[in-house]
């Protein structure tokens, strides 16, 4: 049975802690039937580091008598958004929890790119007489690198890698498969997906540690793209040649293991092992055991003959009329960003 619409008395009760903090409800934007209150936006001017202004909006949802969700949405002039939400039984506590997190924690600037992150803010858990710190868990992030958009999706279930997607609104990308894999084992090869590219990002740890690891690797990804796309494709090949060969050897490992097992099994008759030898049994049983092990992985290894790194022949990453290729700054890259 659906909850009844918010009454005028309920609204006055709920907005009390917000009004005391200078935040006023926007009745025109709110939805009383959906039990959803939207507060008037606050505009935070840009800071001395050149970062643009932020438009802050709070949304309070009352899905049950004692079940509230408060969401802070930060919007940049470009339209890029970052959200932070938390849930609990007391709207006043939710507001205090949200306001304890700095605005610039959700949106980060560096030279040539901007990152907007979506987080879940878990309630502090009691540990003995002292309460543990509030956990800020990353759920999604978007980076704007010139005309290129990089989207990150982080599954809630631990052990599953994050997904990266590179895309542009008006341009079909032309990237080598090892564009990001040269950064290390955590980045897999790029594969085509529609008009863009996708790859997996392996992250470690549980909950908050996993979130921090993802944020660091995503920022490294964006910085790598800024540096790489500012130079020519040929420069990428020359600079990362050793790493590109490393990616090739890494991709060849599943094939090498498969060939080694087959070769060892075929060589058993010539090894002079007795019928009841333990080593003979291990060799013959290794293929099915390896197959079982493969299906235990979160990612199935790909058995392939990987291409060796070739010199990139295209003169530019993008067409000459795109900002990244022509050197014309975009709304993000034109700002001299500094780390927050």
Protein backbone atom coordinates (compact mmCIF):
# COMPACT_ATOMS: atom_id res chain seq x y z
CA UNK A 1 0.00 0.00 0.00
CA UNK A 2 1.44 3.36 -1.10
CA UNK A 3 2.33 5.89 1.58
CA UNK A 4 -0.01 8.94 1.72
CA UNK A 5 1.20 12.28 0.32
CA UNK A 6 3.11 14.58 2.63
CA UNK A 7 0.86 16.88 4.62
CA UNK A 8 1.59 20.53 5.29
CA UNK A 9 2.27 19.71 8.94
CA UNK A 10 4.73 16.93 8.01
CA UNK A 11 6.59 19.26 5.66
CA UNK A 12 6.97 21.89 8.39
CA UNK A 13 8.30 19.22 10.76
CA UNK A 14 10.78 17.81 8.24
CA UNK A 15 12.23 21.12 7.03
CA UNK A 16 12.90 22.45 10.54
CA UNK A 17 16.59 21.39 10.71
CA UNK A 18 17.12 22.60 7.13
CA UNK A 19 15.54 26.03 7.71
CA UNK A 20 17.77 26.48 10.74
CA UNK A 21 20.76 25.98 8.41
CA UNK A 22 19.51 28.53 5.90
CA UNK A 23 18.04 26.00 3.48
CA UNK A 24 14.49 26.52 2.28
CA UNK A 25 12.19 24.06 0.57
CA UNK A 26 11.25 24.60 -3.09
CA UNK A 27 7.55 23.61 -3.11
CA UNK A 28 7.26 24.01 -6.88
CA UNK A 29 10.04 21.45 -7.48
CA UNK A 30 8.92 19.09 -4.69
CA UNK A 31 6.54 16.16 -5.11
CA UNK A 32 4.24 15.73 -2.13
CA UNK A 33 2.60 12.62 -3.57
CA UNK A 34 6.00 10.93 -3.92
CA UNK A 35 7.01 12.24 -0.45
CA UNK A 36 9.95 14.04 -2.01
CA UNK A 37 11.15 17.49 -0.93
CA UNK A 38 13.55 19.56 -3.02
CA UNK A 39 15.39 22.47 -1.43
CA UNK A 40 16.30 25.67 -3.22
CA UNK A 41 19.68 25.52 -4.88
CA UNK A 42 22.72 27.24 -3.43
CA UNK A 43 25.40 28.56 -5.76
CA UNK A 44 28.99 28.31 -4.56
CA UNK A 45 31.36 30.59 -6.51
CA UNK A 46 34.58 29.35 -8.00
CA UNK A 47 37.70 29.39 -5.88
CA UNK A 48 41.10 30.96 -6.38
CA UNK A 49 42.45 27.79 -7.98
CA UNK A 50 40.31 28.50 -11.06
CA UNK A 51 37.66 25.86 -10.35
CA UNK A 52 34.18 26.77 -11.66
CA UNK A 53 31.16 27.49 -9.53
CA UNK A 54 29.03 24.68 -8.08
CA UNK A 55 25.26 24.57 -7.91
CA UNK A 56 24.18 22.58 -4.83
CA UNK A 57 20.73 20.99 -4.50
CA UNK A 58 19.41 18.89 -1.61
CA UNK A 59 16.65 16.30 -2.04
CA UNK A 60 14.93 14.63 0.94
CA UNK A 61 12.92 11.47 0.24
CA UNK A 62 10.63 9.91 2.85
CA UNK A 63 9.83 6.42 1.59
CA UNK A 64 8.63 5.17 4.98
CA UNK A 65 7.70 6.57 8.36
CA UNK A 66 11.26 6.22 9.66
CA UNK A 67 13.19 5.76 6.42
CA UNK A 68 14.72 8.88 4.88
CA UNK A 69 17.26 9.46 2.13
CA UNK A 70 19.04 12.79 1.73
CA UNK A 71 20.90 13.45 -1.51
CA UNK A 72 23.27 16.31 -2.27
CA UNK A 73 23.66 16.99 -5.97
CA UNK A 74 26.46 19.24 -7.23
CA UNK A 75 26.22 20.53 -10.79
CA UNK A 76 28.95 22.24 -12.80
CA UNK A 77 28.18 24.83 -15.52
CA UNK A 78 29.06 22.15 -18.09
CA UNK A 79 26.27 19.90 -16.77
CA UNK A 80 28.56 17.37 -15.10
CA UNK A 81 27.06 16.18 -11.79
CA UNK A 82 28.27 14.59 -8.57
CA UNK A 83 25.96 13.13 -5.93
CA UNK A 84 26.28 12.11 -2.30
CA UNK A 85 23.47 10.35 -0.48
CA UNK A 86 22.90 8.93 2.97
CA UNK A 87 20.00 7.16 4.68
CA UNK A 88 18.61 7.05 8.21
CA UNK A 89 15.71 7.79 10.53
CA UNK A 90 16.46 11.43 11.44
CA UNK A 91 16.60 14.11 8.69
CA UNK A 92 18.57 16.41 11.00
CA UNK A 93 21.28 13.78 11.46
CA UNK A 94 21.36 13.18 7.70
CA UNK A 95 21.88 16.89 7.03
CA UNK A 96 24.72 17.08 9.57
CA UNK A 97 26.31 13.99 8.02
CA UNK A 98 26.11 15.45 4.50
CA UNK A 99 27.41 18.89 5.50
CA UNK A 100 30.42 17.32 7.21
CA UNK A 101 31.73 16.33 3.75
CA UNK A 102 33.43 19.15 1.85
CA UNK A 103 31.91 20.02 -1.53
CA UNK A 104 35.28 19.72 -3.23
CA UNK A 105 35.53 16.12 -2.02
CA UNK A 106 32.91 15.16 -4.59
CA UNK A 107 34.46 17.02 -7.53
CA UNK A 108 38.19 17.07 -8.16
CA UNK A 109 40.23 19.17 -10.58
CA UNK A 110 43.60 18.50 -12.08
CA UNK A 111 45.40 19.97 -15.04
CA UNK A 112 43.35 19.09 -18.12
CA UNK A 113 40.51 17.12 -16.54
CA UNK A 114 37.70 17.22 -14.00
CA UNK A 115 36.22 14.26 -12.10
CA UNK A 116 32.69 14.15 -10.67
CA UNK A 117 32.06 11.29 -8.23
CA UNK A 118 28.90 9.71 -6.83
CA UNK A 119 29.18 8.38 -3.28
CA UNK A 120 27.09 6.61 -0.68
CA UNK A 121 27.61 7.88 2.84
CA UNK A 122 27.11 5.08 5.35
CA UNK A 123 25.98 5.81 8.88
CA UNK A 124 28.78 5.71 11.49
CA UNK A 125 28.97 2.40 13.30
CA UNK A 126 29.55 2.22 17.03
CA UNK A 127 32.67 0.44 18.19
CA UNK A 128 32.74 0.18 21.97
CA UNK A 129 32.35 3.64 23.48
CA UNK A 130 33.54 5.47 20.40
CA UNK A 131 31.79 5.70 17.04
CA UNK A 132 33.72 4.80 13.93
CA UNK A 133 34.11 7.39 11.20
CA UNK A 134 31.42 7.70 8.51
CA UNK A 135 32.27 5.58 5.47
CA UNK A 136 32.16 7.31 2.07
CA UNK A 137 31.74 4.65 -0.63
CA UNK A 138 32.23 5.39 -4.34
CA UNK A 139 29.49 4.08 -6.64
CA UNK A 140 30.06 5.90 -9.93
CA UNK A 141 32.35 8.54 -11.42
CA UNK A 142 32.71 10.55 -14.60
CA UNK A 143 35.84 12.27 -15.89
CA UNK A 144 35.87 14.91 -18.59
CA UNK A 145 39.16 14.92 -20.50
CA UNK A 146 38.80 17.58 -23.16
CA UNK A 147 36.14 16.27 -25.56
CA UNK A 148 36.48 12.75 -24.17
CA UNK A 149 34.20 11.41 -21.44
CA UNK A 150 35.38 8.56 -19.23
CA UNK A 151 32.71 6.83 -17.17
CA UNK A 152 33.41 4.48 -14.25
CA UNK A 153 30.90 2.04 -12.79
CA UNK A 154 31.80 0.30 -9.54
CA UNK A 155 29.65 -2.75 -8.61
CA UNK A 156 28.48 -2.90 -5.03
CA UNK A 157 29.59 -6.53 -4.75
CA UNK A 158 33.24 -6.86 -3.73
CA UNK A 159 35.62 -8.84 -5.91
CA UNK A 160 34.03 -7.70 -9.17
CA UNK A 161 36.14 -5.25 -11.20
CA UNK A 162 34.96 -1.78 -12.08
CA UNK A 163 34.11 -0.93 -15.67
CA UNK A 164 35.58 1.97 -17.64
CA UNK A 165 33.97 3.36 -20.77
CA UNK A 166 35.58 5.96 -23.07
CA UNK A 167 33.24 7.81 -25.40
CA UNK A 168 32.71 10.99 -27.38
CA UNK A 169 29.43 12.47 -28.55
CA UNK A 170 30.44 13.22 -32.15
CA UNK A 171 33.56 11.19 -32.87
CA UNK A 172 34.37 7.53 -33.38
CA UNK A 173 37.48 6.84 -31.36
CA UNK A 174 40.58 5.13 -32.69
CA UNK A 175 42.66 3.77 -29.84
CA UNK A 176 45.12 0.86 -29.47
CA UNK A 177 43.87 -1.94 -27.23
CA UNK A 178 46.70 -1.37 -24.73
CA UNK A 179 46.05 2.38 -24.32
CA UNK A 180 45.27 1.92 -20.60
CA UNK A 181 46.74 -1.54 -20.02
CA UNK A 182 50.24 -0.02 -20.09
CA UNK A 183 49.44 1.49 -16.68
CA UNK A 184 49.62 -1.92 -15.03
CA UNK A 185 47.94 -5.23 -14.31
CA UNK A 186 44.80 -3.54 -12.94
CA UNK A 187 43.81 -2.23 -16.39
CA UNK A 188 42.64 -4.72 -19.02
CA UNK A 189 42.73 -4.24 -22.79
CA UNK A 190 40.26 -1.90 -24.47
CA UNK A 191 37.47 -3.44 -26.52
CA UNK A 192 35.12 -1.66 -28.89
CA UNK A 193 31.62 -1.01 -27.55
CA UNK A 194 29.36 0.89 -29.91
CA UNK A 195 31.06 4.16 -30.75
CA UNK A 196 33.45 3.98 -27.80
CA UNK A 197 35.72 1.65 -25.86
CA UNK A 198 35.41 -0.34 -22.65
CA UNK A 199 37.82 -2.06 -20.28
CA UNK A 200 37.83 -3.51 -16.78
CA UNK A 201 39.61 -1.96 -13.82
CA UNK A 202 40.66 -4.39 -11.09
CA UNK A 203 40.40 -2.89 -7.62
CA UNK A 204 41.39 -4.28 -4.23
CA UNK A 205 40.16 -4.15 -0.68
CA UNK A 206 36.77 -4.11 0.96
CA UNK A 207 34.21 -1.31 1.18
CA UNK A 208 36.03 1.96 1.97
CA UNK A 209 39.51 0.66 1.06
CA UNK A 210 38.16 -0.56 -2.27
CA UNK A 211 36.56 2.82 -2.85
CA UNK A 212 39.82 4.68 -2.20
CA UNK A 213 41.74 2.32 -4.48
CA UNK A 214 39.21 2.92 -7.25
CA UNK A 215 39.39 6.70 -6.88
CA UNK A 216 43.19 6.69 -7.07
CA UNK A 217 43.26 4.46 -10.15
CA UNK A 218 40.54 6.47 -11.87
CA UNK A 219 42.45 9.69 -11.31
CA UNK A 220 45.59 8.02 -12.66
CA UNK A 221 43.58 6.94 -15.71
CA UNK A 222 42.41 10.49 -16.38
CA UNK A 223 45.91 11.94 -15.95
CA UNK A 224 47.32 9.29 -18.30
CA UNK A 225 44.72 10.16 -20.95
CA UNK A 226 45.47 13.89 -20.67
CA UNK A 227 49.18 13.29 -21.18
CA UNK A 228 48.74 10.68 -23.91
CA UNK A 229 46.12 12.48 -26.00
CA UNK A 230 48.05 15.76 -25.84
CA UNK A 231 50.85 14.08 -27.80
CA UNK A 232 50.79 12.14 -31.07
CA UNK A 233 49.99 8.41 -31.39
CA UNK A 234 53.59 7.83 -32.45
CA UNK A 235 54.80 9.36 -29.19
CA UNK A 236 52.63 6.90 -27.27
CA UNK A 237 54.31 3.98 -29.01
CA UNK A 238 57.80 5.31 -28.40
CA UNK A 239 57.24 6.21 -24.77
CA UNK A 240 55.40 3.05 -23.73
CA UNK A 241 57.14 0.50 -25.96
CA UNK A 242 58.48 -1.64 -23.09
CA UNK A 243 55.15 -1.54 -21.28
CA UNK A 244 53.33 -2.44 -24.51
CA UNK A 245 55.48 -5.56 -24.85
CA UNK A 246 54.73 -6.31 -21.22
CA UNK A 247 51.00 -6.16 -21.98
CA UNK A 248 51.52 -8.53 -24.90
CA UNK A 249 53.32 -11.09 -22.72
CA UNK A 250 50.66 -10.72 -20.03
CA UNK A 251 47.90 -11.44 -22.53
CA UNK A 252 49.83 -14.48 -23.76
CA UNK A 253 49.95 -16.15 -20.32
CA UNK A 254 46.65 -18.12 -20.66
CA UNK A 255 47.74 -19.49 -24.04
CA UNK A 256 51.21 -20.34 -22.72
CA UNK A 257 49.74 -22.23 -19.73
CA UNK A 258 47.35 -24.14 -22.00
CA UNK A 259 50.11 -25.12 -24.43
CA UNK A 260 52.40 -26.14 -21.56
CA UNK A 261 49.74 -28.43 -20.06
CA UNK A 262 48.96 -30.04 -23.40
CA UNK A 263 52.64 -30.50 -24.16
CA UNK A 264 53.33 -32.00 -20.73
CA UNK A 265 50.42 -34.43 -21.03
CA UNK A 266 51.59 -35.51 -24.49
CA UNK A 267 55.12 -36.08 -23.18
CA UNK A 268 54.05 -38.32 -20.26
CA UNK A 269 54.51 -41.62 -22.16
CA UNK A 270 58.13 -40.73 -22.90
CA UNK A 271 58.91 -39.78 -19.30
CA UNK A 272 59.08 -43.36 -18.07
CA UNK A 273 56.60 -42.76 -15.25
CA UNK A 274 54.92 -45.81 -13.79
CA UNK A 275 51.16 -46.30 -13.99
CA UNK A 276 50.70 -45.59 -10.28
CA UNK A 277 53.02 -42.55 -10.22
CA UNK A 278 51.68 -39.51 -8.41
CA UNK A 279 53.19 -37.17 -11.00
CA UNK A 280 51.49 -39.06 -13.83
CA UNK A 281 48.13 -38.62 -12.12
CA UNK A 282 48.73 -34.90 -11.51
CA UNK A 283 49.63 -34.28 -15.15
CA UNK A 284 46.58 -36.09 -16.52
CA UNK A 285 44.20 -34.49 -14.03
CA UNK A 286 45.53 -30.94 -14.44
CA UNK A 287 43.37 -29.95 -17.49
CA UNK A 288 39.99 -30.57 -15.76
CA UNK A 289 41.30 -29.04 -12.53
CA UNK A 290 42.48 -25.99 -14.45
CA UNK A 291 39.07 -25.73 -16.12
CA UNK A 292 37.36 -25.71 -12.72
CA UNK A 293 39.82 -23.07 -11.50
CA UNK A 294 39.10 -20.87 -14.51
CA UNK A 295 35.39 -20.77 -13.71
CA UNK A 296 36.20 -19.67 -10.16
CA UNK A 297 37.68 -16.42 -11.49
CA UNK A 298 35.58 -13.24 -11.60
CA UNK A 299 36.97 -12.67 -15.10
CA UNK A 300 37.42 -15.54 -17.52
CA UNK A 301 40.95 -15.48 -18.99
CA UNK A 302 41.04 -15.13 -22.74
CA UNK A 303 43.11 -17.67 -24.65
CA UNK A 304 44.46 -15.77 -27.63
CA UNK A 305 47.52 -15.01 -29.70
CA UNK A 306 47.95 -11.35 -28.74
CA UNK A 307 49.10 -8.89 -31.40
CA UNK A 308 52.55 -7.45 -30.88
CA UNK A 309 52.77 -3.68 -30.37
CA UNK A 310 52.94 -1.87 -33.69
CA UNK A 311 53.84 1.72 -34.40
CA UNK A 312 50.68 3.80 -34.62
CA UNK A 313 50.35 5.37 -38.05
CA UNK A 314 47.49 7.84 -37.66
CA UNK A 315 48.70 11.45 -37.28
CA UNK A 316 46.09 12.37 -34.65
CA UNK A 317 43.95 10.63 -32.06
CA UNK A 318 40.85 12.52 -33.22
CA UNK A 319 39.71 14.39 -36.28
CA UNK A 320 41.35 17.77 -36.77
CA UNK A 321 38.21 19.69 -35.77
CA UNK A 322 37.94 18.25 -32.27
CA UNK A 323 39.37 20.21 -29.30
CA UNK A 324 41.78 17.47 -28.24
CA UNK A 325 43.33 17.27 -31.71
CA UNK A 326 43.43 20.95 -32.59
CA UNK A 327 44.65 22.12 -29.21
CA UNK A 328 41.63 24.38 -28.65
CA UNK A 329 40.66 24.31 -24.99
CA UNK A 330 37.27 23.06 -23.88
CA UNK A 331 35.28 24.41 -20.97
CA UNK A 332 37.22 22.07 -18.68
CA UNK A 333 40.67 22.02 -20.20
CA UNK A 334 40.82 25.79 -20.46
CA UNK A 335 40.84 26.10 -16.67
CA UNK A 336 44.18 25.93 -14.92
CA UNK A 337 43.12 23.31 -12.39
CA UNK A 338 45.07 22.38 -9.32
CA UNK A 339 44.74 19.43 -6.96
CA UNK A 340 42.31 19.77 -4.12
